[in-house]
C-alpha cells in the first residue's frame, strides 16, 4: 500500500493519486519511530511502466539506486518473489533506515523477496568486488554519461533503466560476443 510508504505527513489523496508526491515523513515500525524532512515517490504509472519494461522474472537480482523509502523496491520484491535478491542503495541514511524497517515488515507479511538497504553513494561501489545484477533501476535523475558506470554492475543480458538526463532510458547489456549495449526507449 503506497500510503504506508508515505507516513503520517501525507494525506489520503496524496497516497492514491496517480502523480508524484513529495512530503515530510513520520511513521512507526515495530515500536521504533522514523522521520525524514522529505520523501519523494514517483507517480504509480511510472513505477508500473518501469516494472513492465524491465521484463522481470522470479529469482532475478535487482538493485535500486536512489532507493529512497523503499516503495519501488517493495513492488519489485513482490513481483520477483522470495528467491530473489533485492538491494537498495540510498545516500540519505534516514531514508535507508526507514526503508529497511518498512521492507522487513512488508517481507514478513507477503510473498516478497527479503530486501536489503545500504546507506551510501552508489558511485563508491567497488566495481571489482560488487555482485552483478540482472536488473538495475537508477531512481534519481543522473547525467547520461553515468550510465557507463552502472552498466558495469549489470550481468550480461541484464537491463539498466532510469531517468538519465531527465529522460527515461533503458539499456540491454550485451552478452559476450554481442555488440555494445543496446538502448531502447
N, C-alpha and C. Protein backbone atom coordinates (compact mmCIF):
# COMPACT_ATOMS: atom_id res chain seq x y z
N UNK A 1 0.84 -1.18 0.00
CA UNK A 1 0.00 0.00 0.00
C UNK A 1 0.89 1.25 0.00
N UNK A 2 0.75 2.06 -1.00
CA UNK A 2 1.57 3.27 -1.14
C UNK A 2 1.48 4.17 0.09
N UNK A 3 0.34 4.17 0.72
CA UNK A 3 0.12 5.01 1.91
C UNK A 3 1.12 4.70 3.01
N UNK A 4 1.44 3.43 3.20
CA UNK A 4 2.37 3.02 4.26
C UNK A 4 3.76 3.63 4.05
N UNK A 5 4.14 3.83 2.81
CA UNK A 5 5.47 4.35 2.49
C UNK A 5 5.52 5.88 2.48
N UNK A 6 4.40 6.52 2.70
CA UNK A 6 4.37 7.98 2.79
C UNK A 6 4.30 8.47 4.23
N UNK A 7 3.91 7.61 5.15
CA UNK A 7 3.85 8.01 6.55
C UNK A 7 2.70 8.95 6.85
N UNK A 8 2.70 9.46 8.07
CA UNK A 8 1.57 10.25 8.57
C UNK A 8 1.52 11.67 8.03
N UNK A 9 2.58 12.13 7.38
CA UNK A 9 2.60 13.50 6.86
C UNK A 9 1.80 13.66 5.58
N UNK A 10 1.53 12.57 4.88
CA UNK A 10 0.81 12.63 3.61
C UNK A 10 -0.69 12.49 3.84
N UNK A 11 -1.45 13.07 2.95
CA UNK A 11 -2.91 12.92 3.01
C UNK A 11 -3.33 11.65 2.28
N UNK A 12 -4.54 11.24 2.51
CA UNK A 12 -5.10 10.09 1.80
C UNK A 12 -5.07 10.34 0.30
N UNK A 13 -5.40 11.56 -0.11
CA UNK A 13 -5.37 11.91 -1.53
C UNK A 13 -3.96 11.80 -2.10
N UNK A 14 -2.95 12.24 -1.34
CA UNK A 14 -1.56 12.12 -1.78
C UNK A 14 -1.21 10.67 -2.10
N UNK A 15 -1.64 9.79 -1.23
CA UNK A 15 -1.25 8.39 -1.33
C UNK A 15 -1.80 7.70 -2.56
N UNK A 16 -2.99 8.09 -2.99
CA UNK A 16 -3.66 7.31 -4.03
C UNK A 16 -3.84 8.04 -5.35
N UNK A 17 -3.31 9.24 -5.50
CA UNK A 17 -3.41 9.89 -6.81
C UNK A 17 -2.27 9.39 -7.70
N UNK A 18 -2.51 9.41 -9.00
CA UNK A 18 -1.54 8.91 -9.96
C UNK A 18 -0.57 10.02 -10.36
N UNK A 19 0.12 10.55 -9.37
CA UNK A 19 1.10 11.61 -9.62
C UNK A 19 2.19 11.51 -8.56
N UNK A 20 3.32 12.16 -8.80
CA UNK A 20 4.39 12.10 -7.80
C UNK A 20 3.99 12.81 -6.51
N UNK A 21 4.63 12.39 -5.42
CA UNK A 21 4.37 13.00 -4.11
C UNK A 21 5.70 13.33 -3.45
N UNK A 22 5.79 14.52 -2.90
CA UNK A 22 6.94 14.93 -2.09
C UNK A 22 6.35 15.50 -0.80
N UNK A 23 6.75 14.91 0.33
CA UNK A 23 6.19 15.37 1.61
C UNK A 23 7.13 14.99 2.75
N UNK A 24 6.84 15.51 3.93
CA UNK A 24 7.54 15.08 5.13
C UNK A 24 7.16 13.65 5.45
N UNK A 25 7.94 12.99 6.30
CA UNK A 25 7.70 11.58 6.57
C UNK A 25 7.86 11.30 8.05
N UNK A 26 6.83 10.69 8.64
CA UNK A 26 6.89 10.19 10.02
C UNK A 26 6.10 8.90 10.07
N UNK A 27 6.70 7.88 10.68
CA UNK A 27 5.99 6.62 10.85
C UNK A 27 6.62 5.84 12.00
N UNK A 28 5.92 4.81 12.43
CA UNK A 28 6.43 3.91 13.45
C UNK A 28 6.35 2.49 12.92
N UNK A 29 7.46 1.77 13.03
CA UNK A 29 7.51 0.37 12.59
C UNK A 29 8.09 -0.43 13.75
N UNK A 30 7.33 -1.41 14.22
CA UNK A 30 7.82 -2.24 15.31
C UNK A 30 8.18 -1.46 16.56
N UNK A 31 7.44 -0.39 16.84
CA UNK A 31 7.67 0.42 18.03
C UNK A 31 8.78 1.44 17.89
N UNK A 32 9.44 1.50 16.74
CA UNK A 32 10.52 2.46 16.51
C UNK A 32 10.00 3.56 15.58
N UNK A 33 10.25 4.81 15.95
CA UNK A 33 9.81 5.94 15.14
C UNK A 33 10.87 6.33 14.12
N UNK A 34 10.41 6.68 12.94
CA UNK A 34 11.29 7.14 11.86
C UNK A 34 10.73 8.45 11.33
N UNK A 35 11.64 9.35 10.95
CA UNK A 35 11.21 10.63 10.39
C UNK A 35 12.22 11.10 9.36
N UNK A 36 11.74 11.81 8.37
CA UNK A 36 12.60 12.42 7.35
C UNK A 36 11.94 13.73 6.94
N UNK A 37 12.78 14.70 6.64
CA UNK A 37 12.25 16.01 6.23
C UNK A 37 11.41 15.89 4.97
N UNK A 38 11.91 15.11 3.99
CA UNK A 38 11.15 14.89 2.76
C UNK A 38 11.37 13.48 2.23
N UNK A 39 10.33 12.94 1.64
CA UNK A 39 10.42 11.74 0.83
C UNK A 39 9.78 12.07 -0.51
N UNK A 40 10.19 11.35 -1.53
CA UNK A 40 9.62 11.55 -2.86
C UNK A 40 9.26 10.19 -3.43
N UNK A 41 8.04 10.06 -3.89
CA UNK A 41 7.62 8.87 -4.63
C UNK A 41 7.19 9.32 -6.01
N UNK A 42 7.65 8.60 -7.02
CA UNK A 42 7.21 8.89 -8.38
C UNK A 42 5.75 8.51 -8.54
N UNK A 43 5.15 8.93 -9.62
CA UNK A 43 3.77 8.57 -9.91
C UNK A 43 3.66 7.06 -10.11
N UNK A 44 2.57 6.44 -9.64
CA UNK A 44 2.41 5.00 -9.80
C UNK A 44 2.55 4.52 -11.25
N UNK A 45 2.08 5.31 -12.21
CA UNK A 45 2.19 4.87 -13.60
C UNK A 45 3.65 4.77 -14.04
N UNK A 46 4.54 5.57 -13.46
CA UNK A 46 5.97 5.47 -13.79
C UNK A 46 6.51 4.14 -13.28
N UNK A 47 6.20 3.80 -12.03
CA UNK A 47 6.66 2.53 -11.48
C UNK A 47 6.11 1.35 -12.29
N UNK A 48 4.85 1.42 -12.70
CA UNK A 48 4.27 0.34 -13.50
C UNK A 48 4.96 0.23 -14.85
N UNK A 49 5.22 1.35 -15.47
CA UNK A 49 5.89 1.37 -16.78
C UNK A 49 7.29 0.77 -16.68
N UNK A 50 8.04 1.17 -15.66
CA UNK A 50 9.40 0.65 -15.47
C UNK A 50 9.37 -0.84 -15.16
N UNK A 51 8.52 -1.26 -14.25
CA UNK A 51 8.45 -2.68 -13.88
C UNK A 51 8.14 -3.54 -15.10
N UNK A 52 7.22 -3.09 -15.94
CA UNK A 52 6.88 -3.85 -17.15
C UNK A 52 8.06 -3.87 -18.13
N UNK A 53 8.70 -2.74 -18.33
CA UNK A 53 9.81 -2.65 -19.29
C UNK A 53 11.04 -3.44 -18.84
N UNK A 54 11.16 -3.70 -17.55
CA UNK A 54 12.33 -4.42 -17.05
C UNK A 54 12.25 -5.93 -17.28
N UNK A 55 11.12 -6.41 -17.76
CA UNK A 55 10.99 -7.83 -18.11
C UNK A 55 11.43 -8.72 -16.94
N UNK A 56 10.79 -8.51 -15.81
CA UNK A 56 11.16 -9.19 -14.56
C UNK A 56 10.70 -10.64 -14.55
N UNK A 57 11.54 -11.50 -13.94
CA UNK A 57 11.21 -12.91 -13.77
C UNK A 57 11.59 -13.34 -12.35
N UNK A 58 10.82 -14.24 -11.76
CA UNK A 58 11.16 -14.72 -10.41
C UNK A 58 12.60 -15.21 -10.34
N UNK A 59 13.24 -14.92 -9.21
CA UNK A 59 14.61 -15.37 -8.99
C UNK A 59 15.68 -14.40 -9.44
N UNK A 60 15.30 -13.32 -10.11
CA UNK A 60 16.29 -12.34 -10.57
C UNK A 60 16.85 -11.53 -9.41
N UNK A 61 18.00 -10.91 -9.67
CA UNK A 61 18.58 -9.96 -8.72
C UNK A 61 18.29 -8.55 -9.21
N UNK A 62 18.07 -7.64 -8.26
CA UNK A 62 17.65 -6.28 -8.59
C UNK A 62 18.34 -5.29 -7.66
N UNK A 63 18.86 -4.21 -8.23
CA UNK A 63 19.44 -3.12 -7.46
C UNK A 63 18.67 -1.84 -7.76
N UNK A 64 18.23 -1.17 -6.71
CA UNK A 64 17.54 0.11 -6.83
C UNK A 64 18.49 1.19 -6.32
N UNK A 65 18.99 2.02 -7.22
CA UNK A 65 19.91 3.10 -6.87
C UNK A 65 19.08 4.35 -6.59
N UNK A 66 19.29 4.95 -5.43
CA UNK A 66 18.43 6.05 -5.01
C UNK A 66 17.11 5.49 -4.53
N UNK A 67 17.20 4.45 -3.69
CA UNK A 67 16.03 3.66 -3.29
C UNK A 67 15.03 4.43 -2.44
N UNK A 68 15.44 5.56 -1.88
CA UNK A 68 14.52 6.35 -1.08
C UNK A 68 13.93 5.55 0.07
N UNK A 69 12.63 5.62 0.22
CA UNK A 69 11.92 4.98 1.31
C UNK A 69 11.62 3.50 1.03
N UNK A 70 11.96 3.01 -0.17
CA UNK A 70 11.84 1.60 -0.49
C UNK A 70 10.55 1.15 -1.15
N UNK A 71 9.70 2.08 -1.54
CA UNK A 71 8.41 1.70 -2.13
C UNK A 71 8.59 0.90 -3.42
N UNK A 72 9.38 1.42 -4.36
CA UNK A 72 9.55 0.71 -5.63
C UNK A 72 10.25 -0.62 -5.41
N UNK A 73 11.22 -0.66 -4.52
CA UNK A 73 11.90 -1.93 -4.21
C UNK A 73 10.90 -2.96 -3.70
N UNK A 74 9.93 -2.53 -2.90
CA UNK A 74 8.91 -3.44 -2.39
C UNK A 74 8.02 -3.98 -3.50
N UNK A 75 7.69 -3.14 -4.45
CA UNK A 75 6.91 -3.60 -5.61
C UNK A 75 7.69 -4.68 -6.35
N UNK A 76 8.96 -4.39 -6.62
CA UNK A 76 9.80 -5.34 -7.36
C UNK A 76 9.98 -6.63 -6.56
N UNK A 77 10.21 -6.52 -5.25
CA UNK A 77 10.39 -7.70 -4.40
C UNK A 77 9.16 -8.60 -4.45
N UNK A 78 7.99 -8.00 -4.51
CA UNK A 78 6.75 -8.77 -4.59
C UNK A 78 6.66 -9.49 -5.94
N UNK A 79 7.01 -8.80 -7.01
CA UNK A 79 6.97 -9.41 -8.35
C UNK A 79 7.99 -10.55 -8.46
N UNK A 80 9.20 -10.34 -7.95
CA UNK A 80 10.28 -11.32 -8.11
C UNK A 80 10.14 -12.52 -7.18
N UNK A 81 9.54 -12.34 -6.02
CA UNK A 81 9.31 -13.46 -5.11
C UNK A 81 10.46 -13.75 -4.17
N UNK A 82 10.21 -14.69 -3.27
CA UNK A 82 11.11 -15.00 -2.14
C UNK A 82 12.52 -15.41 -2.55
N UNK A 83 12.72 -15.98 -3.72
CA UNK A 83 14.05 -16.50 -4.09
C UNK A 83 14.94 -15.44 -4.73
N UNK A 84 14.51 -14.22 -4.76
CA UNK A 84 15.26 -13.15 -5.43
C UNK A 84 16.09 -12.35 -4.45
N UNK A 85 17.07 -11.63 -5.00
CA UNK A 85 17.88 -10.69 -4.22
C UNK A 85 17.46 -9.28 -4.64
N UNK A 86 16.96 -8.51 -3.69
CA UNK A 86 16.55 -7.13 -3.95
C UNK A 86 17.33 -6.23 -3.01
N UNK A 87 18.17 -5.39 -3.60
CA UNK A 87 19.03 -4.49 -2.83
C UNK A 87 18.72 -3.05 -3.20
N UNK A 88 18.88 -2.17 -2.24
CA UNK A 88 18.71 -0.74 -2.47
C UNK A 88 19.88 0.02 -1.88
N UNK A 89 20.30 1.05 -2.58
CA UNK A 89 21.32 1.94 -2.04
C UNK A 89 20.74 3.35 -2.05
N UNK A 90 20.89 4.02 -0.92
CA UNK A 90 20.29 5.35 -0.73
C UNK A 90 21.31 6.23 -0.01
N UNK A 91 21.54 7.40 -0.54
CA UNK A 91 22.55 8.29 0.03
C UNK A 91 22.11 8.86 1.38
N UNK A 92 20.81 8.96 1.60
CA UNK A 92 20.29 9.51 2.86
C UNK A 92 20.06 8.40 3.88
N UNK A 93 20.87 8.41 4.94
CA UNK A 93 20.78 7.36 5.96
C UNK A 93 19.41 7.32 6.63
N UNK A 94 18.77 8.48 6.83
CA UNK A 94 17.46 8.49 7.48
C UNK A 94 16.43 7.72 6.66
N UNK A 95 16.46 7.88 5.35
CA UNK A 95 15.54 7.14 4.49
C UNK A 95 15.90 5.66 4.44
N UNK A 96 17.18 5.37 4.43
CA UNK A 96 17.65 3.99 4.36
C UNK A 96 17.18 3.19 5.58
N UNK A 97 17.31 3.76 6.75
CA UNK A 97 16.87 3.07 7.98
C UNK A 97 15.37 2.81 7.96
N UNK A 98 14.60 3.81 7.56
CA UNK A 98 13.15 3.63 7.48
C UNK A 98 12.79 2.63 6.39
N UNK A 99 13.48 2.68 5.25
CA UNK A 99 13.23 1.74 4.16
C UNK A 99 13.45 0.31 4.62
N UNK A 100 14.52 0.06 5.37
CA UNK A 100 14.80 -1.30 5.84
C UNK A 100 13.72 -1.78 6.80
N UNK A 101 13.28 -0.91 7.69
CA UNK A 101 12.22 -1.29 8.63
C UNK A 101 10.92 -1.60 7.90
N UNK A 102 10.55 -0.75 6.95
CA UNK A 102 9.33 -0.98 6.17
C UNK A 102 9.45 -2.25 5.32
N UNK A 103 10.64 -2.47 4.76
CA UNK A 103 10.87 -3.66 3.94
C UNK A 103 10.75 -4.93 4.76
N UNK A 104 11.32 -4.92 5.96
CA UNK A 104 11.23 -6.10 6.83
C UNK A 104 9.77 -6.40 7.18
N UNK A 105 9.02 -5.36 7.47
CA UNK A 105 7.60 -5.51 7.77
C UNK A 105 6.86 -6.07 6.55
N UNK A 106 7.14 -5.53 5.37
CA UNK A 106 6.49 -5.95 4.13
C UNK A 106 6.83 -7.40 3.79
N UNK A 107 8.11 -7.76 3.86
CA UNK A 107 8.54 -9.12 3.51
C UNK A 107 7.97 -10.17 4.45
N UNK A 108 7.73 -9.79 5.70
CA UNK A 108 7.19 -10.73 6.69
C UNK A 108 5.73 -11.05 6.45
N UNK A 109 5.03 -10.19 5.72
CA UNK A 109 3.58 -10.37 5.54
C UNK A 109 3.17 -10.63 4.10
N UNK A 110 4.13 -10.77 3.19
CA UNK A 110 3.82 -11.00 1.77
C UNK A 110 4.80 -12.04 1.22
N UNK A 111 4.54 -12.55 0.01
CA UNK A 111 5.49 -13.48 -0.62
C UNK A 111 6.64 -12.76 -1.32
N UNK A 112 7.04 -11.62 -0.80
CA UNK A 112 8.09 -10.81 -1.43
C UNK A 112 9.47 -11.26 -0.99
N UNK A 113 10.45 -10.94 -1.83
CA UNK A 113 11.85 -11.20 -1.50
C UNK A 113 12.26 -10.38 -0.29
N UNK A 114 13.23 -10.88 0.44
CA UNK A 114 13.84 -10.10 1.54
C UNK A 114 14.65 -9.00 0.90
N UNK A 115 14.48 -7.78 1.36
CA UNK A 115 15.18 -6.63 0.80
C UNK A 115 16.28 -6.17 1.75
N UNK A 116 17.36 -5.69 1.18
CA UNK A 116 18.47 -5.15 1.96
C UNK A 116 18.78 -3.75 1.44
N UNK A 117 18.80 -2.79 2.36
CA UNK A 117 19.11 -1.40 2.00
C UNK A 117 20.42 -0.99 2.66
N UNK A 118 21.23 -0.25 1.92
CA UNK A 118 22.52 0.23 2.40
C UNK A 118 22.57 1.74 2.19
N UNK A 119 23.03 2.46 3.21
CA UNK A 119 23.21 3.91 3.07
C UNK A 119 24.57 4.16 2.44
N UNK A 120 24.58 4.94 1.37
CA UNK A 120 25.85 5.26 0.74
C UNK A 120 25.66 5.84 -0.65
N UNK A 121 26.78 6.17 -1.25
CA UNK A 121 26.82 6.74 -2.59
C UNK A 121 27.07 5.61 -3.58
N UNK A 122 26.18 5.41 -4.51
CA UNK A 122 26.31 4.32 -5.48
C UNK A 122 27.60 4.43 -6.29
N UNK A 123 28.09 5.63 -6.49
CA UNK A 123 29.31 5.80 -7.27
C UNK A 123 30.55 5.36 -6.50
N UNK A 124 30.39 5.00 -5.23
CA UNK A 124 31.50 4.48 -4.44
C UNK A 124 31.50 2.95 -4.38
N UNK A 125 30.55 2.31 -5.09
CA UNK A 125 30.55 0.85 -5.14
C UNK A 125 31.82 0.37 -5.82
N UNK A 126 32.39 -0.71 -5.32
CA UNK A 126 33.60 -1.28 -5.89
C UNK A 126 33.21 -2.17 -7.06
N UNK A 127 33.49 -1.72 -8.27
CA UNK A 127 33.10 -2.48 -9.45
C UNK A 127 33.81 -3.82 -9.56
N UNK A 128 34.95 -3.94 -8.91
CA UNK A 128 35.70 -5.19 -8.97
C UNK A 128 35.17 -6.27 -8.05
N UNK A 129 34.50 -5.88 -6.97
CA UNK A 129 34.05 -6.87 -5.99
C UNK A 129 32.54 -6.92 -5.82
N UNK A 130 31.83 -5.93 -6.32
CA UNK A 130 30.38 -5.90 -6.15
C UNK A 130 29.73 -6.97 -7.03
N UNK A 131 28.62 -7.54 -6.56
CA UNK A 131 27.90 -8.51 -7.38
C UNK A 131 27.31 -7.83 -8.61
N UNK A 132 27.03 -8.62 -9.62
CA UNK A 132 26.34 -8.12 -10.81
C UNK A 132 24.85 -8.40 -10.65
N UNK A 133 24.03 -7.55 -11.22
CA UNK A 133 22.58 -7.65 -11.08
C UNK A 133 21.93 -7.93 -12.42
N UNK A 134 20.80 -8.64 -12.36
CA UNK A 134 20.01 -8.87 -13.57
C UNK A 134 19.30 -7.60 -14.01
N UNK A 135 18.89 -6.80 -13.04
CA UNK A 135 18.18 -5.55 -13.33
C UNK A 135 18.64 -4.47 -12.37
N UNK A 136 18.85 -3.27 -12.92
CA UNK A 136 19.18 -2.11 -12.09
C UNK A 136 18.28 -0.96 -12.50
N UNK A 137 17.69 -0.32 -11.50
CA UNK A 137 16.92 0.91 -11.73
C UNK A 137 17.61 2.04 -10.98
N UNK A 138 17.91 3.11 -11.68
CA UNK A 138 18.50 4.30 -11.09
C UNK A 138 17.37 5.31 -10.93
N UNK A 139 16.92 5.50 -9.69
CA UNK A 139 15.72 6.28 -9.44
C UNK A 139 15.89 7.78 -9.48
N UNK A 140 17.06 8.28 -9.12
CA UNK A 140 17.27 9.72 -9.15
C UNK A 140 17.79 10.12 -10.52
N UNK A 141 17.37 11.25 -11.01
CA UNK A 141 17.87 11.72 -12.29
C UNK A 141 19.37 11.94 -12.23
N UNK A 142 20.11 11.33 -13.13
CA UNK A 142 21.56 11.48 -13.19
C UNK A 142 21.96 11.79 -14.63
N UNK A 143 23.14 12.37 -14.82
CA UNK A 143 23.59 12.66 -16.19
C UNK A 143 23.74 11.38 -17.02
N UNK A 144 23.55 11.51 -18.31
CA UNK A 144 23.61 10.38 -19.23
C UNK A 144 24.93 9.61 -19.15
N UNK A 145 26.04 10.33 -19.00
CA UNK A 145 27.35 9.65 -19.01
C UNK A 145 27.53 8.69 -17.83
N UNK A 146 26.75 8.84 -16.76
CA UNK A 146 26.89 7.94 -15.61
C UNK A 146 26.35 6.54 -15.90
N UNK A 147 25.59 6.40 -16.98
CA UNK A 147 25.07 5.08 -17.35
C UNK A 147 26.22 4.09 -17.55
N UNK A 148 27.36 4.56 -18.04
CA UNK A 148 28.51 3.67 -18.27
C UNK A 148 28.93 2.99 -16.97
N UNK A 149 28.94 3.74 -15.88
CA UNK A 149 29.29 3.17 -14.58
C UNK A 149 28.30 2.07 -14.19
N UNK A 150 27.02 2.37 -14.29
CA UNK A 150 26.01 1.41 -13.85
C UNK A 150 25.95 0.18 -14.75
N UNK A 151 26.24 0.33 -16.03
CA UNK A 151 26.25 -0.83 -16.93
C UNK A 151 27.26 -1.87 -16.48
N UNK A 152 28.31 -1.43 -15.82
CA UNK A 152 29.35 -2.36 -15.34
C UNK A 152 28.87 -3.18 -14.15
N UNK A 153 27.73 -2.82 -13.58
CA UNK A 153 27.14 -3.59 -12.48
C UNK A 153 26.02 -4.52 -12.95
N UNK A 154 25.73 -4.50 -14.25
CA UNK A 154 24.65 -5.31 -14.81
C UNK A 154 25.23 -6.59 -15.42
N UNK A 155 24.63 -7.70 -15.07
CA UNK A 155 25.02 -9.00 -15.62
C UNK A 155 24.77 -9.00 -17.13
N UNK A 156 25.62 -9.68 -17.92
CA UNK A 156 25.37 -9.76 -19.37
C UNK A 156 23.95 -10.27 -19.65
N UNK A 157 23.27 -9.57 -20.53
CA UNK A 157 21.87 -9.87 -20.84
C UNK A 157 20.89 -9.15 -19.93
N UNK A 158 21.43 -8.43 -18.93
CA UNK A 158 20.59 -7.70 -17.98
C UNK A 158 20.17 -6.34 -18.50
N UNK A 159 19.38 -5.66 -17.69
CA UNK A 159 18.79 -4.38 -18.09
C UNK A 159 19.11 -3.30 -17.06
N UNK A 160 19.46 -2.13 -17.58
CA UNK A 160 19.64 -0.91 -16.79
C UNK A 160 18.58 0.08 -17.24
N UNK A 161 17.87 0.67 -16.27
CA UNK A 161 16.85 1.67 -16.59
C UNK A 161 16.91 2.81 -15.60
N UNK A 162 16.44 3.96 -16.06
CA UNK A 162 16.33 5.10 -15.17
C UNK A 162 16.20 6.39 -15.92
N UNK A 163 15.89 7.46 -15.20
CA UNK A 163 15.82 8.79 -15.83
C UNK A 163 17.23 9.39 -15.94
N UNK A 164 17.87 9.14 -17.05
CA UNK A 164 19.19 9.69 -17.32
C UNK A 164 19.01 10.96 -18.13
N UNK A 165 19.61 12.05 -17.65
CA UNK A 165 19.45 13.37 -18.29
C UNK A 165 17.98 13.69 -18.52
N UNK A 166 17.17 13.41 -17.49
CA UNK A 166 15.73 13.74 -17.48
C UNK A 166 14.90 13.00 -18.52
N UNK A 167 15.40 11.87 -19.00
CA UNK A 167 14.63 11.07 -19.94
C UNK A 167 14.73 9.61 -19.51
N UNK A 168 13.58 8.93 -19.41
CA UNK A 168 13.58 7.53 -19.02
C UNK A 168 14.24 6.72 -20.13
N UNK A 169 15.32 6.00 -19.77
CA UNK A 169 16.08 5.26 -20.77
C UNK A 169 16.27 3.82 -20.30
N UNK A 170 16.48 2.94 -21.28
CA UNK A 170 16.67 1.52 -21.00
C UNK A 170 17.80 0.99 -21.87
N UNK A 171 18.73 0.26 -21.23
CA UNK A 171 19.80 -0.40 -21.96
C UNK A 171 19.77 -1.89 -21.66
N UNK A 172 19.97 -2.70 -22.68
CA UNK A 172 20.17 -4.13 -22.50
C UNK A 172 21.67 -4.36 -22.64
N UNK A 173 22.29 -4.85 -21.58
CA UNK A 173 23.74 -5.06 -21.58
C UNK A 173 24.04 -6.34 -22.36
N UNK A 174 24.99 -6.27 -23.32
CA UNK A 174 25.21 -7.42 -24.20
C UNK A 174 25.84 -8.61 -23.49
N UNK A 175 25.53 -9.77 -24.02
CA UNK A 175 26.21 -10.99 -23.61
C UNK A 175 27.53 -11.05 -24.37
N UNK A 176 28.48 -11.86 -23.92
CA UNK A 176 29.76 -11.95 -24.64
C UNK A 176 29.54 -12.24 -26.12
N UNK A 177 30.26 -11.51 -26.96
CA UNK A 177 30.15 -11.67 -28.41
C UNK A 177 29.09 -10.82 -29.06
N UNK A 178 28.24 -10.18 -28.26
CA UNK A 178 27.22 -9.29 -28.81
C UNK A 178 27.79 -7.88 -28.91
N UNK A 179 27.18 -7.04 -29.76
CA UNK A 179 27.65 -5.65 -29.86
C UNK A 179 27.39 -4.88 -28.56
N UNK A 180 27.83 -3.65 -28.53
CA UNK A 180 27.69 -2.77 -27.36
C UNK A 180 26.25 -2.74 -26.84
N UNK A 181 26.07 -2.26 -25.59
CA UNK A 181 24.72 -2.21 -25.02
C UNK A 181 23.71 -1.56 -25.95
N UNK A 182 22.57 -2.21 -26.07
CA UNK A 182 21.50 -1.68 -26.90
C UNK A 182 20.61 -0.79 -26.05
N UNK A 183 20.35 0.39 -26.55
CA UNK A 183 19.42 1.27 -25.84
C UNK A 183 18.07 1.17 -26.52
N UNK A 184 17.04 1.03 -25.70
CA UNK A 184 15.68 1.04 -26.21
C UNK A 184 14.93 2.11 -25.43
N UNK A 185 13.84 2.54 -25.95
CA UNK A 185 13.04 3.56 -25.24
C UNK A 185 11.63 3.09 -25.08
